[in-house]
Amino acid sequence: MLALGGVGLSMRQTRMFTPQVPLQVLSEREYSILSSVAETILPGTQGYPSARKVQIAERIDAALFACDDGVQSEFKQVLALLESAVAGFVLAGRSAPFSRLSAAERWKVLDSWRSARVRLFRTAFKAIHGLVTASYYSAPQVHKRIGYPGVPEWVTAVRLAGVGANPPPSDPTPPSAEVTP
């Protein structure tokens, strides 16, 4: 009976969202889960744009592209665990995938991870929350709202020119200690 119940819970579908740009790392399902997380953390209030409007999930996908395969894989595993109705039922008694919960219910799940006794959940919460908020506050639409003038033009020019991106290789042989007269 429990096995049948677990199968039934595992068949609950993720609430899907369509990315605004082509994804580089995440699947559309993973993107949708992350989009639900970001919208829960930053729904947009009092003149601040929502996470979806700022395209936080797309920004995080692009950032993950620069990460090691192991980091990408672990991040995807955290998203799958968060979304899983079976894990949610076993750990918290919820019977729906994370993305199908109301905003208040999603926040309760995230808050339970934030204060969980199990270190894995606390660490996962910090990682997701940190990525979402850092991506949000790095968005130009948010810069205007908080009064940040943005990245200076010269920094952007240096970055685009690739200066400093690939330092010249250093000579592996130390300079000679001999002094010639």
C-alpha atoms as a PDB file:
ATOM      1  CA  MET A   1       0.000   0.000   0.000  1.00  0.00           C
ATOM      2  CA  LEU A   2       2.824   2.388   0.910  1.00  0.00           C
ATOM      3  CA  ALA A   3       4.646   1.558  -2.317  1.00  0.00           C
ATOM      4  CA  LEU A   4       1.541   2.347  -4.363  1.00  0.00           C
ATOM      5  CA  GLY A   5       1.151   5.613  -2.503  1.00  0.00           C
ATOM      6  CA  GLY A   6       4.791   6.466  -3.225  1.00  0.00           C
ATOM      7  CA  VAL A   7       4.318   5.733  -6.908  1.00  0.00           C
ATOM      8  CA  GLY A   8       1.230   7.951  -6.951  1.00  0.00           C
ATOM      9  CA  LEU A   9       3.104  10.801  -5.280  1.00  0.00           C
ATOM     10  CA  SER A  10       6.043  10.448  -7.650  1.00  0.00           C
ATOM     11  CA  MET A  11       3.755  10.869 -10.651  1.00  0.00           C
ATOM     12  CA  ARG A  12       2.682  14.382  -9.642  1.00  0.00           C
ATOM     13  CA  GLN A  13       3.984  16.725 -12.311  1.00  0.00           C
ATOM     14  CA  THR A  14       6.158  19.788 -11.888  1.00  0.00           C
ATOM     15  CA  ARG A  15       4.481  23.119 -12.636  1.00  0.00           C
ATOM     16  CA  MET A  16       6.278  24.142 -15.797  1.00  0.00           C
ATOM     17  CA  PHE A  17       7.500  27.592 -16.814  1.00  0.00           C
ATOM     18  CA  THR A  18       9.032  28.599 -20.117  1.00  0.00           C
ATOM     19  CA  PRO A  19      12.511  30.131 -19.991  1.00  0.00           C
ATOM     20  CA  GLN A  20      13.004  33.468 -21.739  1.00  0.00           C
ATOM     21  CA  VAL A  21      16.413  32.442 -23.139  1.00  0.00           C
ATOM     22  CA  PRO A  22      17.857  29.080 -24.186  1.00  0.00           C
ATOM     23  CA  LEU A  23      19.041  27.089 -21.173  1.00  0.00           C
ATOM     24  CA  GLN A  24      22.699  26.070 -20.920  1.00  0.00           C
ATOM     25  CA  VAL A  25      22.748  23.697 -17.924  1.00  0.00           C
ATOM     26  CA  LEU A  26      19.298  23.132 -16.480  1.00  0.00           C
ATOM     27  CA  SER A  27      16.529  21.097 -18.046  1.00  0.00           C
ATOM     28  CA  GLU A  28      13.177  22.817 -18.476  1.00  0.00           C
ATOM     29  CA  ARG A  29      11.901  20.910 -15.439  1.00  0.00           C
ATOM     30  CA  GLU A  30      14.865  21.995 -13.282  1.00  0.00           C
ATOM     31  CA  TYR A  31      14.460  25.533 -14.559  1.00  0.00           C
ATOM     32  CA  SER A  32      10.784  25.443 -13.537  1.00  0.00           C
ATOM     33  CA  ILE A  33      11.628  24.245 -10.028  1.00  0.00           C
ATOM     34  CA  LEU A  34      14.283  26.951  -9.652  1.00  0.00           C
ATOM     35  CA  SER A  35      11.850  29.531 -10.997  1.00  0.00           C
ATOM     36  CA  SER A  36       9.347  28.503  -8.285  1.00  0.00           C
ATOM     37  CA  VAL A  37      12.065  28.800  -5.630  1.00  0.00           C
ATOM     38  CA  ALA A  38      13.178  32.229  -6.850  1.00  0.00           C
ATOM     39  CA  GLU A  39       9.610  33.520  -7.046  1.00  0.00           C
ATOM     40  CA  THR A  40       9.017  32.307  -3.481  1.00  0.00           C
ATOM     41  CA  ILE A  41      12.083  34.108  -2.144  1.00  0.00           C
ATOM     42  CA  LEU A  42      11.605  37.270  -4.219  1.00  0.00           C
ATOM     43  CA  PRO A  43       7.967  37.649  -5.289  1.00  0.00           C
ATOM     44  CA  GLY A  44       8.311  41.342  -6.081  1.00  0.00           C
ATOM     45  CA  THR A  45       6.747  43.820  -3.714  1.00  0.00           C
ATOM     46  CA  GLN A  46       6.615  47.566  -3.092  1.00  0.00           C
ATOM     47  CA  GLY A  47       7.984  48.489  -6.501  1.00  0.00           C
ATOM     48  CA  TYR A  48      10.655  45.794  -6.629  1.00  0.00           C
ATOM     49  CA  PRO A  49      10.480  43.517  -9.670  1.00  0.00           C
ATOM     50  CA  SER A  50       9.743  39.839  -9.141  1.00  0.00           C
ATOM     51  CA  ALA A  51      12.391  37.161  -9.576  1.00  0.00           C
ATOM     52  CA  ARG A  52      10.631  35.983 -12.730  1.00  0.00           C
ATOM     53  CA  LYS A  53      10.616  39.493 -14.215  1.00  0.00           C
ATOM     54  CA  VAL A  54      14.356  39.809 -13.528  1.00  0.00           C
ATOM     55  CA  GLN A  55      14.906  36.305 -14.992  1.00  0.00           C
ATOM     56  CA  ILE A  56      16.696  34.957 -11.928  1.00  0.00           C
ATOM     57  CA  ALA A  57      16.427  31.300 -12.979  1.00  0.00           C
ATOM     58  CA  GLU A  58      17.936  32.154 -16.372  1.00  0.00           C
ATOM     59  CA  ARG A  59      20.757  34.109 -14.690  1.00  0.00           C
ATOM     60  CA  ILE A  60      21.536  31.196 -12.364  1.00  0.00           C
ATOM     61  CA  ASP A  61      21.498  28.780 -15.302  1.00  0.00           C
ATOM     62  CA  ALA A  62      24.082  30.979 -17.056  1.00  0.00           C
ATOM     63  CA  ALA A  63      26.209  31.151 -13.890  1.00  0.00           C
ATOM     64  CA  LEU A  64      26.078  27.365 -13.504  1.00  0.00           C
ATOM     65  CA  PHE A  65      27.453  27.035 -17.039  1.00  0.00           C
ATOM     66  CA  ALA A  66      30.801  28.319 -15.726  1.00  0.00           C
ATOM     67  CA  CYS A  67      30.816  25.805 -12.851  1.00  0.00           C
ATOM     68  CA  ASP A  68      32.368  22.391 -12.611  1.00  0.00           C
ATOM     69  CA  ASP A  69      30.202  19.419 -13.659  1.00  0.00           C
ATOM     70  CA  GLY A  70      30.121  18.246 -10.031  1.00  0.00           C
ATOM     71  CA  VAL A  71      28.671  21.552  -8.838  1.00  0.00           C
ATOM     72  CA  GLN A  72      26.073  21.470 -11.601  1.00  0.00           C
ATOM     73  CA  SER A  73      25.114  17.898 -10.698  1.00  0.00           C
ATOM     74  CA  GLU A  74      24.784  18.653  -6.972  1.00  0.00           C
ATOM     75  CA  PHE A  75      22.664  21.714  -7.657  1.00  0.00           C
ATOM     76  CA  LYS A  76      20.346  19.654  -9.847  1.00  0.00           C
ATOM     77  CA  GLN A  77      20.087  17.004  -7.124  1.00  0.00           C
ATOM     78  CA  VAL A  78      19.045  19.641  -4.581  1.00  0.00           C
ATOM     79  CA  LEU A  79      16.348  20.902  -6.952  1.00  0.00           C
ATOM     80  CA  ALA A  80      15.078  17.335  -7.480  1.00  0.00           C
ATOM     81  CA  LEU A  81      14.986  16.681  -3.735  1.00  0.00           C
ATOM     82  CA  LEU A  82      13.132  19.922  -3.103  1.00  0.00           C
ATOM     83  CA  GLU A  83      10.564  19.130  -5.818  1.00  0.00           C
ATOM     84  CA  SER A  84      10.023  15.485  -4.904  1.00  0.00           C
ATOM     85  CA  ALA A  85       6.550  14.807  -3.544  1.00  0.00           C
ATOM     86  CA  VAL A  86       7.775  11.487  -2.136  1.00  0.00           C
ATOM     87  CA  ALA A  87      10.640  13.140  -0.219  1.00  0.00           C
ATOM     88  CA  GLY A  88       8.274  15.934   0.813  1.00  0.00           C
ATOM     89  CA  PHE A  89       5.793  13.403   2.148  1.00  0.00           C
ATOM     90  CA  VAL A  90       8.416  11.426   4.070  1.00  0.00           C
ATOM     91  CA  LEU A  91      10.178  14.503   5.456  1.00  0.00           C
ATOM     92  CA  ALA A  92       7.323  16.933   5.973  1.00  0.00           C
ATOM     93  CA  GLY A  93       3.999  15.267   5.245  1.00  0.00           C
ATOM     94  CA  ARG A  94       3.320  17.249   2.054  1.00  0.00           C
ATOM     95  CA  SER A  95       1.815  15.379  -0.862  1.00  0.00           C
ATOM     96  CA  ALA A  96       2.497  17.773  -3.738  1.00  0.00           C
ATOM     97  CA  PRO A  97       5.665  18.727  -5.590  1.00  0.00           C
ATOM     98  CA  PHE A  98       7.235  21.980  -4.380  1.00  0.00           C
ATOM     99  CA  SER A  99       6.316  23.824  -7.583  1.00  0.00           C
ATOM    100  CA  ARG A 100       2.631  22.928  -7.134  1.00  0.00           C
ATOM    101  CA  LEU A 101       2.379  24.381  -3.616  1.00  0.00           C
ATOM    102  CA  SER A 102       0.993  27.824  -2.819  1.00  0.00           C
ATOM    103  CA  ALA A 103       3.518  30.606  -2.204  1.00  0.00           C
ATOM    104  CA  ALA A 104       2.937  30.360   1.565  1.00  0.00           C
ATOM    105  CA  GLU A 105       3.417  26.575   1.525  1.00  0.00           C
ATOM    106  CA  ARG A 106       6.588  26.895  -0.567  1.00  0.00           C
ATOM    107  CA  TRP A 107       7.950  29.431   1.909  1.00  0.00           C
ATOM    108  CA  LYS A 108       7.223  27.014   4.792  1.00  0.00           C
ATOM    109  CA  VAL A 109       9.218  24.306   3.000  1.00  0.00           C
ATOM    110  CA  LEU A 110      12.170  26.629   2.408  1.00  0.00           C
ATOM    111  CA  ASP A 111      12.022  27.881   5.988  1.00  0.00           C
ATOM    112  CA  SER A 112      12.012  24.292   7.258  1.00  0.00           C
ATOM    113  CA  TRP A 113      15.196  23.674   5.235  1.00  0.00           C
ATOM    114  CA  ARG A 114      16.724  26.890   6.635  1.00  0.00           C
ATOM    115  CA  SER A 115      16.252  25.718  10.221  1.00  0.00           C
ATOM    116  CA  ALA A 116      16.513  21.937   9.708  1.00  0.00           C
ATOM    117  CA  ARG A 117      18.485  19.754  12.097  1.00  0.00           C
ATOM    118  CA  VAL A 118      20.039  17.980   9.138  1.00  0.00           C
ATOM    119  CA  ARG A 119      23.016  19.983   7.902  1.00  0.00           C
ATOM    120  CA  LEU A 120      22.410  19.002   4.259  1.00  0.00           C
ATOM    121  CA  PHE A 121      19.118  20.899   4.198  1.00  0.00           C
ATOM    122  CA  ARG A 122      20.573  23.989   5.884  1.00  0.00           C
ATOM    123  CA  THR A 123      23.492  24.005   3.443  1.00  0.00           C
ATOM    124  CA  ALA A 124      21.174  23.532   0.460  1.00  0.00           C
ATOM    125  CA  PHE A 125      18.967  26.388   1.658  1.00  0.00           C
ATOM    126  CA  LYS A 126      21.976  28.708   2.040  1.00  0.00           C
ATOM    127  CA  ALA A 127      23.238  27.826  -1.435  1.00  0.00           C
ATOM    128  CA  ILE A 128      19.898  28.340  -3.158  1.00  0.00           C
ATOM    129  CA  HIS A 129      19.012  31.472  -1.185  1.00  0.00           C
ATOM    130  CA  GLY A 130      22.471  32.936  -1.795  1.00  0.00           C
ATOM    131  CA  LEU A 131      22.350  32.284  -5.532  1.00  0.00           C
ATOM    132  CA  VAL A 132      18.850  33.704  -5.867  1.00  0.00           C
ATOM    133  CA  THR A 133      19.536  36.891  -3.897  1.00  0.00           C
ATOM    134  CA  ALA A 134      22.977  37.498  -5.452  1.00  0.00           C
ATOM    135  CA  SER A 135      21.508  37.065  -8.935  1.00  0.00           C
ATOM    136  CA  TYR A 136      18.648  39.390  -8.058  1.00  0.00           C
ATOM    137  CA  TYR A 137      20.788  42.220  -6.702  1.00  0.00           C
ATOM    138  CA  SER A 138      23.191  41.962  -9.639  1.00  0.00           C
ATOM    139  CA  ALA A 139      20.368  42.698 -12.100  1.00  0.00           C
ATOM    140  CA  PRO A 140      20.327  46.193 -13.624  1.00  0.00           C
ATOM    141  CA  GLN A 141      16.538  46.473 -13.049  1.00  0.00           C
ATOM    142  CA  VAL A 142      17.169  46.123  -9.320  1.00  0.00           C
ATOM    143  CA  HIS A 143      20.173  48.485  -9.350  1.00  0.00           C
ATOM    144  CA  LYS A 144      17.868  51.354 -10.289  1.00  0.00           C
ATOM    145  CA  ARG A 145      15.427  50.529  -7.501  1.00  0.00           C
ATOM    146  CA  ILE A 146      18.065  50.388  -4.740  1.00  0.00           C
ATOM    147  CA  GLY A 147      19.977  53.445  -6.009  1.00  0.00           C
ATOM    148  CA  TYR A 148      23.087  51.582  -7.153  1.00  0.00           C
ATOM    149  CA  PRO A 149      24.491  53.250 -10.260  1.00  0.00           C
ATOM    150  CA  GLY A 150      25.722  49.930 -11.635  1.00  0.00           C
ATOM    151  CA  VAL A 151      29.084  48.553 -12.587  1.00  0.00           C
ATOM    152  CA  PRO A 152      31.439  51.302 -13.783  1.00  0.00           C
ATOM    153  CA  GLU A 153      31.826  51.358 -17.567  1.00  0.00           C
ATOM    154  CA  TRP A 154      35.586  50.790 -17.376  1.00  0.00           C
ATOM    155  CA  VAL A 155      35.088  47.504 -15.483  1.00  0.00           C
ATOM    156  CA  THR A 156      32.695  46.273 -18.141  1.00  0.00           C
ATOM    157  CA  ALA A 157      35.097  47.370 -20.904  1.00  0.00           C
ATOM    158  CA  VAL A 158      37.992  45.508 -19.250  1.00  0.00           C
ATOM    159  CA  ARG A 159      35.872  42.394 -18.798  1.00  0.00           C
ATOM    160  CA  LEU A 160      34.662  42.463 -22.404  1.00  0.00           C
ATOM    161  CA  ALA A 161      38.203  43.017 -23.678  1.00  0.00           C
ATOM    162  CA  GLY A 162      39.364  39.977 -21.746  1.00  0.00           C
ATOM    163  CA  VAL A 163      42.117  41.899 -19.991  1.00  0.00           C
ATOM    164  CA  GLY A 164      43.230  39.953 -16.978  1.00  0.00           C
ATOM    165  CA  ALA A 165      41.056  37.004 -17.875  1.00  0.00           C
ATOM    166  CA  ASN A 166      43.965  34.858 -19.009  1.00  0.00           C
ATOM    167  CA  PRO A 167      47.196  35.940 -17.323  1.00  0.00           C
ATOM    168  CA  PRO A 168      50.337  35.127 -19.290  1.00  0.00           C
ATOM    169  CA  PRO A 169      51.912  31.807 -18.326  1.00  0.00           C
ATOM    170  CA  SER A 170      54.674  32.175 -15.788  1.00  0.00           C
ATOM    171  CA  ASP A 171      58.120  30.838 -16.503  1.00  0.00           C
ATOM    172  CA  PRO A 172      58.528  27.667 -14.411  1.00  0.00           C
ATOM    173  CA  THR A 173      62.301  28.182 -14.092  1.00  0.00           C
ATOM    174  CA  PRO A 174      63.410  30.654 -11.440  1.00  0.00           C
ATOM    175  CA  PRO A 175      65.615  33.523 -12.545  1.00  0.00           C
ATOM    176  CA  SER A 176      69.329  32.829 -12.357  1.00  0.00           C
ATOM    177  CA  ALA A 177      71.041  33.889  -9.167  1.00  0.00           C
ATOM    178  CA  GLU A 178      74.303  34.460 -11.023  1.00  0.00           C
ATOM    179  CA  VAL A 179      75.511  37.995 -11.354  1.00  0.00           C
ATOM    180  CA  THR A 180      77.654  38.813 -14.337  1.00  0.00           C
ATOM    181  CA  PRO A 181      80.380  41.424 -13.852  1.00  0.00           C
END
